[in-house]
C-alpha atoms as a PDB file:
ATOM      1  CA  MET A   1     -12.625  20.338   6.166  1.00  0.00           C
ATOM      2  CA  ASP A   2     -11.030  17.058   4.448  1.00  0.00           C
ATOM      3  CA  ARG A   3      -8.396  18.126   1.598  1.00  0.00           C
ATOM      4  CA  CYS A   4      -9.922  15.045  -0.292  1.00  0.00           C
ATOM      5  CA  ASP A   5     -13.468  17.173  -0.352  1.00  0.00           C
ATOM      6  CA  PRO A   6     -13.988  18.871  -3.732  1.00  0.00           C
ATOM      7  CA  THR A   7     -15.133  22.079  -2.174  1.00  0.00           C
ATOM      8  CA  HIS A   8     -11.993  22.036   0.055  1.00  0.00           C
ATOM      9  CA  PRO A   9      -9.891  25.695  -1.205  1.00  0.00           C
ATOM     10  CA  THR A  10      -7.180  23.705  -1.750  1.00  0.00           C
ATOM     11  CA  ARG A  11      -8.450  21.415  -4.180  1.00  0.00           C
ATOM     12  CA  HIS A  12      -8.272  21.962  -7.844  1.00  0.00           C
ATOM     13  CA  PRO A  13      -8.725  19.909 -11.242  1.00  0.00           C
ATOM     14  CA  ARG A  14      -5.967  16.941 -11.767  1.00  0.00           C
ATOM     15  CA  LYS A  15      -6.596  16.026 -15.523  1.00  0.00           C
ATOM     16  CA  GLU A  16      -3.689  14.825 -17.263  1.00  0.00           C
ATOM     17  CA  THR A  17      -2.945  13.492 -20.818  1.00  0.00           C
ATOM     18  CA  MET A  18      -0.092  11.072 -20.438  1.00  0.00           C
ATOM     19  CA  MET A  19       2.142   9.020 -23.100  1.00  0.00           C
ATOM     20  CA  SER A  20       4.990   7.193 -21.181  1.00  0.00           C
ATOM     21  CA  PHE A  21       5.065   3.628 -20.445  1.00  0.00           C
ATOM     22  CA  GLY A  22       1.878   3.409 -23.060  1.00  0.00           C
ATOM     23  CA  LEU A  23      -0.465   3.634 -19.772  1.00  0.00           C
ATOM     24  CA  SER A  24      -2.857   6.216 -20.732  1.00  0.00           C
ATOM     25  CA  ARG A  25      -2.532   5.626 -24.418  1.00  0.00           C
ATOM     26  CA  GLY A  26      -3.096   9.579 -24.863  1.00  0.00           C
ATOM     27  CA  ARG A  27      -6.551   9.282 -22.589  1.00  0.00           C
ATOM     28  CA  GLU A  28      -7.457  12.285 -20.623  1.00  0.00           C
ATOM     29  CA  GLN A  29      -6.542  11.083 -16.867  1.00  0.00           C
ATOM     30  CA  ASP A  30      -8.830  12.381 -13.792  1.00  0.00           C
ATOM     31  CA  PHE A  31      -7.904  11.807 -10.507  1.00  0.00           C
ATOM     32  CA  ASP A  32      -9.830  14.748  -8.652  1.00  0.00           C
ATOM     33  CA  GLY A  33     -11.359  13.448  -5.402  1.00  0.00           C
ATOM     34  CA  TYR A  34      -9.287  10.026  -5.663  1.00  0.00           C
ATOM     35  CA  GLY A  35      -5.828  10.681  -5.919  1.00  0.00           C
ATOM     36  CA  LEU A  36      -3.898  12.951  -3.391  1.00  0.00           C
ATOM     37  CA  LEU A  37      -0.257  14.559  -4.173  1.00  0.00           C
ATOM     38  CA  ARG A  38       2.412  15.000  -1.177  1.00  0.00           C
ATOM     39  CA  GLU A  39       1.543  18.707  -1.490  1.00  0.00           C
ATOM     40  CA  ASP A  40      -2.024  17.608  -0.528  1.00  0.00           C
ATOM     41  CA  LEU A  41      -1.089  16.400   2.899  1.00  0.00           C
ATOM     42  CA  PRO A  42      -0.769  19.084   5.833  1.00  0.00           C
ATOM     43  CA  PRO A  43       2.752  19.883   6.792  1.00  0.00           C
ATOM     44  CA  ILE A  44       4.657  16.860   9.025  1.00  0.00           C
ATOM     45  CA  ALA A  45       5.112  19.691  11.704  1.00  0.00           C
ATOM     46  CA  ASP A  46       1.533  19.600  12.376  1.00  0.00           C
ATOM     47  CA  GLY A  47       1.328  16.074  13.942  1.00  0.00           C
ATOM     48  CA  ASP A  48      -0.080  12.413  12.523  1.00  0.00           C
ATOM     49  CA  TRP A  49      -2.363  12.603   9.471  1.00  0.00           C
ATOM     50  CA  ASP A  50      -5.063  10.349   9.553  1.00  0.00           C
ATOM     51  CA  PRO A  51      -6.089   8.623   6.223  1.00  0.00           C
ATOM     52  CA  ARG A  52      -8.932   7.495   7.425  1.00  0.00           C
ATOM     53  CA  SER A  53     -10.262  11.104   7.327  1.00  0.00           C
ATOM     54  CA  LEU A  54     -10.393  10.476   3.724  1.00  0.00           C
ATOM     55  CA  PHE A  55     -13.450   8.464   3.530  1.00  0.00           C
ATOM     56  CA  GLU A  56     -17.291   8.873   4.564  1.00  0.00           C
ATOM     57  CA  HIS A  57     -17.647   5.886   7.017  1.00  0.00           C
ATOM     58  CA  ARG A  58     -13.952   6.950   9.243  1.00  0.00           C
ATOM     59  CA  ASP A  59     -14.861   4.209  11.333  1.00  0.00           C
ATOM     60  CA  ARG A  60     -14.656   1.377   8.986  1.00  0.00           C
ATOM     61  CA  PRO A  61     -11.175  -1.393   9.205  1.00  0.00           C
ATOM     62  CA  PHE A  62      -8.597   0.433   7.205  1.00  0.00           C
ATOM     63  CA  GLU A  63      -5.896  -1.427   5.161  1.00  0.00           C
ATOM     64  CA  LEU A  64      -2.926   0.249   3.412  1.00  0.00           C
ATOM     65  CA  GLU A  65      -1.001  -1.021   0.085  1.00  0.00           C
ATOM     66  CA  ILE A  66       2.331   0.090  -0.312  1.00  0.00           C
ATOM     67  CA  GLY A  67       3.279   0.441  -3.805  1.00  0.00           C
ATOM     68  CA  SER A  68       0.132  -0.295  -5.648  1.00  0.00           C
ATOM     69  CA  GLY A  69       1.125  -0.027  -9.467  1.00  0.00           C
ATOM     70  CA  LYS A  70      -1.928   0.106 -11.551  1.00  0.00           C
ATOM     71  CA  GLY A  71      -4.283  -0.558  -8.545  1.00  0.00           C
ATOM     72  CA  THR A  72      -5.122  -4.131  -9.915  1.00  0.00           C
ATOM     73  CA  PHE A  73      -5.070  -5.379  -6.409  1.00  0.00           C
ATOM     74  CA  LEU A  74      -7.146  -2.029  -4.614  1.00  0.00           C
ATOM     75  CA  VAL A  75      -9.613  -2.378  -7.288  1.00  0.00           C
ATOM     76  CA  GLN A  76     -10.388  -6.070  -7.089  1.00  0.00           C
ATOM     77  CA  GLN A  77     -10.231  -6.298  -3.278  1.00  0.00           C
ATOM     78  CA  SER A  78     -12.053  -3.253  -2.525  1.00  0.00           C
ATOM     79  CA  GLU A  79     -15.401  -4.430  -4.122  1.00  0.00           C
ATOM     80  CA  LEU A  80     -15.613  -7.569  -2.204  1.00  0.00           C
ATOM     81  CA  GLN A  81     -14.689  -5.569   0.847  1.00  0.00           C
ATOM     82  CA  ALA A  82     -17.262  -2.631   0.701  1.00  0.00           C
ATOM     83  CA  ASP A  83     -17.275  -2.110   4.275  1.00  0.00           C
ATOM     84  CA  THR A  84     -13.280  -1.649   4.284  1.00  0.00           C
ATOM     85  CA  ASN A  85     -11.162   1.718   3.561  1.00  0.00           C
ATOM     86  CA  PHE A  86      -8.144   1.279   1.180  1.00  0.00           C
ATOM     87  CA  LEU A  87      -4.998   4.037   0.928  1.00  0.00           C
ATOM     88  CA  GLY A  88      -2.742   2.798  -1.914  1.00  0.00           C
ATOM     89  CA  ILE A  89       0.633   4.704  -1.781  1.00  0.00           C
ATOM     90  CA  GLU A  90       2.206   4.524  -5.074  1.00  0.00           C
ATOM     91  CA  TRP A  91       5.882   6.595  -6.019  1.00  0.00           C
ATOM     92  CA  ALA A  92       6.011   6.350  -9.467  1.00  0.00           C
ATOM     93  CA  GLY A  93       3.702   9.151 -11.225  1.00  0.00           C
ATOM     94  CA  GLU A  94       2.359   7.588 -13.982  1.00  0.00           C
ATOM     95  CA  PHE A  95       1.522   4.663 -12.283  1.00  0.00           C
ATOM     96  CA  PHE A  96      -0.225   6.633  -9.701  1.00  0.00           C
ATOM     97  CA  ARG A  97      -2.013   8.429 -11.877  1.00  0.00           C
ATOM     98  CA  TYR A  98      -3.210   5.465 -14.037  1.00  0.00           C
ATOM     99  CA  ALA A  99      -4.387   3.902 -10.649  1.00  0.00           C
ATOM    100  CA  ALA A 100      -6.331   6.491  -8.970  1.00  0.00           C
ATOM    101  CA  ASP A 101      -8.006   7.148 -12.653  1.00  0.00           C
ATOM    102  CA  ARG A 102      -9.130   3.537 -12.737  1.00  0.00           C
ATOM    103  CA  ILE A 103     -10.717   3.650  -9.429  1.00  0.00           C
ATOM    104  CA  ARG A 104     -12.432   6.908 -10.324  1.00  0.00           C
ATOM    105  CA  ARG A 105     -14.072   5.419 -13.274  1.00  0.00           C
ATOM    106  CA  ARG A 106     -15.070   2.537 -11.271  1.00  0.00           C
ATOM    107  CA  ASN A 107     -16.431   5.076  -8.570  1.00  0.00           C
ATOM    108  CA  LEU A 108     -15.130   3.547  -5.744  1.00  0.00           C
ATOM    109  CA  PRO A 109     -15.865   5.381  -2.518  1.00  0.00           C
ATOM    110  CA  ASN A 110     -13.746   3.637  -0.341  1.00  0.00           C
ATOM    111  CA  VAL A 111     -10.451   3.594  -1.796  1.00  0.00           C
ATOM    112  CA  ARG A 112      -7.900   6.650  -2.568  1.00  0.00           C
ATOM    113  CA  MET A 113      -4.595   6.847  -4.338  1.00  0.00           C
ATOM    114  CA  LEU A 114      -1.480   8.856  -2.622  1.00  0.00           C
ATOM    115  CA  HIS A 115       1.173   9.964  -4.633  1.00  0.00           C
ATOM    116  CA  ASP A 116       4.473   9.993  -2.302  1.00  0.00           C
ATOM    117  CA  ASP A 117       7.051   7.880  -0.010  1.00  0.00           C
ATOM    118  CA  ALA A 118       5.303   5.228   1.715  1.00  0.00           C
ATOM    119  CA  SER A 119       8.414   4.858   3.712  1.00  0.00           C
ATOM    120  CA  GLU A 120       8.104   8.066   4.995  1.00  0.00           C
ATOM    121  CA  VAL A 121       4.456   8.328   5.217  1.00  0.00           C
ATOM    122  CA  VAL A 122       4.590   4.872   7.435  1.00  0.00           C
ATOM    123  CA  SER A 123       7.238   6.167   9.340  1.00  0.00           C
ATOM    124  CA  HIS A 124       6.525   9.360   9.966  1.00  0.00           C
ATOM    125  CA  ARG A 125       2.758  10.770   9.322  1.00  0.00           C
ATOM    126  CA  LEU A 126       0.437   7.937  10.195  1.00  0.00           C
ATOM    127  CA  PRO A 127      -1.117   7.487  13.618  1.00  0.00           C
ATOM    128  CA  ASP A 128      -0.431   4.650  15.899  1.00  0.00           C
ATOM    129  CA  GLY A 129      -3.180   1.669  15.206  1.00  0.00           C
ATOM    130  CA  CYS A 130      -4.728   3.055  12.172  1.00  0.00           C
ATOM    131  CA  CYS A 131      -4.195   0.060   9.910  1.00  0.00           C
ATOM    132  CA  HIS A 132      -5.787  -3.311  10.238  1.00  0.00           C
ATOM    133  CA  VAL A 133      -3.647  -5.036   7.207  1.00  0.00           C
ATOM    134  CA  VAL A 134      -0.765  -3.399   5.599  1.00  0.00           C
ATOM    135  CA  HIS A 135      -0.151  -5.235   2.064  1.00  0.00           C
ATOM    136  CA  LEU A 136       3.240  -5.223   0.627  1.00  0.00           C
ATOM    137  CA  TYR A 137       3.287  -7.220  -2.744  1.00  0.00           C
ATOM    138  CA  PHE A 138       6.134  -7.514  -5.116  1.00  0.00           C
ATOM    139  CA  SER A 139       8.045  -4.540  -4.109  1.00  0.00           C
ATOM    140  CA  ASP A 140      10.956  -3.179  -5.767  1.00  0.00           C
ATOM    141  CA  PRO A 141      13.840  -5.522  -4.802  1.00  0.00           C
ATOM    142  CA  TRP A 142      16.519  -3.103  -5.439  1.00  0.00           C
ATOM    143  CA  PRO A 143      18.940  -6.325  -6.202  1.00  0.00           C
ATOM    144  CA  LYS A 144      22.242  -4.436  -5.903  1.00  0.00           C
ATOM    145  CA  THR A 145      23.836  -4.436  -2.546  1.00  0.00           C
ATOM    146  CA  ARG A 146      24.621  -0.613  -2.317  1.00  0.00           C
ATOM    147  CA  HIS A 147      20.664  -0.344  -3.139  1.00  0.00           C
ATOM    148  CA  HIS A 148      19.255  -2.424  -0.361  1.00  0.00           C
ATOM    149  CA  LYS A 149      19.237   0.269   1.863  1.00  0.00           C
ATOM    150  CA  ARG A 150      16.019   1.635  -0.450  1.00  0.00           C
ATOM    151  CA  ARG A 151      13.891  -1.729   0.329  1.00  0.00           C
ATOM    152  CA  VAL A 152      10.739  -0.876   1.990  1.00  0.00           C
ATOM    153  CA  MET A 153      11.380  -3.076   4.431  1.00  0.00           C
ATOM    154  CA  GLN A 154      14.365  -2.367   6.789  1.00  0.00           C
ATOM    155  CA  ASP A 155      15.023  -2.597  11.005  1.00  0.00           C
ATOM    156  CA  ALA A 156      13.331   0.871  11.087  1.00  0.00           C
ATOM    157  CA  THR A 157      10.659  -0.068   8.874  1.00  0.00           C
ATOM    158  CA  MET A 158       9.671  -3.305  10.848  1.00  0.00           C
ATOM    159  CA  ARG A 159       9.022  -1.030  14.091  1.00  0.00           C
ATOM    160  CA  ALA A 160       7.032   1.600  12.359  1.00  0.00           C
ATOM    161  CA  PHE A 161       5.087  -1.088  10.893  1.00  0.00           C
ATOM    162  CA  HIS A 162       4.338  -2.443  14.469  1.00  0.00           C
ATOM    163  CA  ARG A 163       3.314   1.008  15.673  1.00  0.00           C
ATOM    164  CA  VAL A 164       0.704   1.755  13.186  1.00  0.00           C
ATOM    165  CA  ILE A 165      -0.880  -1.826  12.875  1.00  0.00           C
ATOM    166  CA  ALA A 166      -3.199  -2.329  15.140  1.00  0.00           C
ATOM    167  CA  PRO A 167      -3.136  -5.175  17.346  1.00  0.00           C
ATOM    168  CA  GLU A 168      -3.668  -8.603  15.885  1.00  0.00           C
ATOM    169  CA  GLY A 169      -3.267  -7.040  12.293  1.00  0.00           C
ATOM    170  CA  GLU A 170      -1.561  -7.873   9.510  1.00  0.00           C
ATOM    171  CA  LEU A 171       1.529  -7.421   7.359  1.00  0.00           C
ATOM    172  CA  ARG A 172       1.344  -9.308   4.007  1.00  0.00           C
ATOM    173  CA  LEU A 173       4.021 -10.142   1.989  1.00  0.00           C
ATOM    174  CA  VAL A 174       4.351 -11.403  -1.548  1.00  0.00           C
ATOM    175  CA  THR A 175       8.004 -11.277  -3.865  1.00  0.00           C
ATOM    176  CA  ASP A 176       8.984 -13.395  -6.585  1.00  0.00           C
ATOM    177  CA  HIS A 177      12.731 -12.160  -5.753  1.00  0.00           C
ATOM    178  CA  ASP A 178      14.823 -15.161  -3.983  1.00  0.00           C
ATOM    179  CA  ASP A 179      17.358 -12.352  -2.576  1.00  0.00           C
ATOM    180  CA  LEU A 180      14.187  -9.946  -1.436  1.00  0.00           C
ATOM    181  CA  TRP A 181      12.566 -12.973   0.335  1.00  0.00           C
ATOM    182  CA  ALA A 182      15.594 -13.945   2.055  1.00  0.00           C
ATOM    183  CA  TRP A 183      15.740 -10.403   3.421  1.00  0.00           C
ATOM    184  CA  TYR A 184      11.884 -10.736   4.530  1.00  0.00           C
ATOM    185  CA  GLU A 185      12.775 -13.869   6.343  1.00  0.00           C
ATOM    186  CA  ASP A 186      15.550 -12.056   8.067  1.00  0.00           C
ATOM    187  CA  HIS A 187      13.507  -9.398   9.117  1.00  0.00           C
ATOM    188  CA  ALA A 188      11.010 -11.333  10.070  1.00  0.00           C
ATOM    189  CA  ALA A 189      13.422 -13.547  12.434  1.00  0.00           C
ATOM    190  CA  ARG A 190      15.369 -10.568  13.210  1.00  0.00           C
ATOM    191  CA  HIS A 191      12.076  -8.702  14.884  1.00  0.00           C
ATOM    192  CA  ALA A 192       9.820 -12.345  16.511  1.00  0.00           C
ATOM    193  CA  ASP A 193       9.225 -10.194  19.116  1.00  0.00           C
ATOM    194  CA  LEU A 194       7.122  -7.844  17.179  1.00  0.00           C
ATOM    195  CA  PHE A 195       5.610 -10.158  15.049  1.00  0.00           C
ATOM    196  CA  ALA A 196       4.499 -13.576  14.701  1.00  0.00           C
ATOM    197  CA  ARG A 197       4.793 -15.021  11.264  1.00  0.00           C
ATOM    198  CA  GLU A 198       1.808 -17.360   9.561  1.00  0.00           C
ATOM    199  CA  ASP A 199       1.213 -18.948   6.369  1.00  0.00           C
ATOM    200  CA  PHE A 200      -0.225 -16.318   3.592  1.00  0.00           C
ATOM    201  CA  GLU A 201      -3.949 -16.761   3.113  1.00  0.00           C
ATOM    202  CA  ARG A 202      -5.023 -15.547  -0.550  1.00  0.00           C
ATOM    203  CA  PRO A 203      -7.441 -12.659  -0.458  1.00  0.00           C
ATOM    204  CA  GLU A 204     -10.592 -13.526  -2.181  1.00  0.00           C
ATOM    205  CA  SER A 205      -9.833 -11.744  -5.151  1.00  0.00           C
ATOM    206  CA  ALA A 206      -6.887 -13.618  -6.287  1.00  0.00           C
ATOM    207  CA  GLY A 207      -7.928 -15.663  -9.114  1.00  0.00           C
ATOM    208  CA  GLU A 208      -7.355 -19.380 -10.008  1.00  0.00           C
ATOM    209  CA  GLY A 209      -3.784 -20.652  -9.172  1.00  0.00           C
ATOM    210  CA  GLU A 210      -3.231 -16.856  -8.180  1.00  0.00           C
ATOM    211  CA  VAL A 211      -1.415 -15.642  -4.812  1.00  0.00           C
ATOM    212  CA  VAL A 212      -2.787 -12.115  -5.232  1.00  0.00           C
ATOM    213  CA  GLY A 213      -3.417 -11.214  -8.465  1.00  0.00           C
ATOM    214  CA  THR A 214      -1.709  -8.057  -9.388  1.00  0.00           C
ATOM    215  CA  ASN A 215      -0.458  -7.284 -12.489  1.00  0.00           C
ATOM    216  CA  PHE A 216       3.536  -7.895 -11.539  1.00  0.00           C
ATOM    217  CA  GLU A 217       1.971 -11.256 -10.523  1.00  0.00           C
ATOM    218  CA  ARG A 218       0.317 -12.254 -13.995  1.00  0.00           C
ATOM    219  CA  LYS A 219       3.560 -10.653 -15.509  1.00  0.00           C
ATOM    220  CA  PHE A 220       5.970 -12.917 -13.534  1.00  0.00           C
ATOM    221  CA  ARG A 221       3.864 -15.887 -13.756  1.00  0.00           C
ATOM    222  CA  ARG A 222       3.911 -16.072 -17.703  1.00  0.00           C
ATOM    223  CA  GLU A 223       7.772 -16.048 -17.338  1.00  0.00           C
ATOM    224  CA  GLY A 224       7.579 -19.147 -15.247  1.00  0.00           C
ATOM    225  CA  ARG A 225       8.714 -17.422 -12.190  1.00  0.00           C
ATOM    226  CA  PRO A 226       8.135 -18.688  -8.475  1.00  0.00           C
ATOM    227  CA  PHE A 227       6.407 -16.746  -5.711  1.00  0.00           C
ATOM    228  CA  HIS A 228       6.611 -16.590  -1.852  1.00  0.00           C
ATOM    229  CA  ALA A 229       4.380 -15.207   0.614  1.00  0.00           C
ATOM    230  CA  MET A 230       4.168 -14.768   4.395  1.00  0.00           C
ATOM    231  CA  THR A 231       1.642 -13.334   7.023  1.00  0.00           C
ATOM    232  CA  LEU A 232       3.606 -11.384  10.069  1.00  0.00           C
ATOM    233  CA  ARG A 233       0.756 -10.811  12.597  1.00  0.00           C
ATOM    234  CA  ARG A 234       1.530  -7.923  14.980  1.00  0.00           C
ATOM    235  CA  ARG A 235       2.164  -9.100  18.572  1.00  0.00           C
ATOM    236  CA  GLU A 236      -0.366  -6.563  21.101  1.00  0.00           C
ATOM    237  CA  ARG A 237       3.030  -6.018  22.990  1.00  0.00           C
ATOM    238  CA  PRO A 238       6.653  -6.929  22.105  1.00  0.00           C
ATOM    239  CA  LEU A 239       7.864 -10.242  23.567  1.00  0.00           C
ATOM    240  CA  GLY A 240       9.650  -9.913  26.836  1.00  0.00           C
ATOM    241  CA  ARG A 241       8.442  -6.802  27.577  1.00  0.00           C
ATOM    242  CA  PRO A 242       5.621  -6.315  30.632  1.00  0.00           C
END
């Protein structure tokens, strides 16, 4: 029985009224059936956790978004890709609750949210080849040098992305931060044996003049910031290996 199933014995209603960040504006937020907390997942010792088990149609293509914020990309794109299942992972609790409640109110059967550390989930929980696409849009740049180790993109996570993304699948990257972009370019070059770099193609849900159409992008566009984007396509096997 799935833990996202409302009849699962560990399930309980998740309704909260929050005021911080001004997101909920005092409105009751209910993410029951659409949002999972870290404690809802099985113990790591039990082995891989397959997020495709959250959905009725488990055989459909599966895409993962890291750092979903308010869930704008997931809401917009999932309605255009009704035959694809999406999971968004968000570490900030207020944004997780807002996004999961938003998805519930839209009654989107092919979207779920998880409140957890995405790097840990990708590195230690997901099964091999489960993701068709991983979306990483406007990730926290952690600009101070001593904090660079907190960035999602690391050598270890590049290897983890290669493991969990299906052959010919995609890692899609967008940022407004010049130093983080240089970091992405450096990692893409160092791991060219794992991923082939390609031009980024805007998702169908992006509005006119938008790269992706997230809340962060719209905010940064008003501030006049430039955007950088690339797609890394997973090689079927690392270059130089039989």
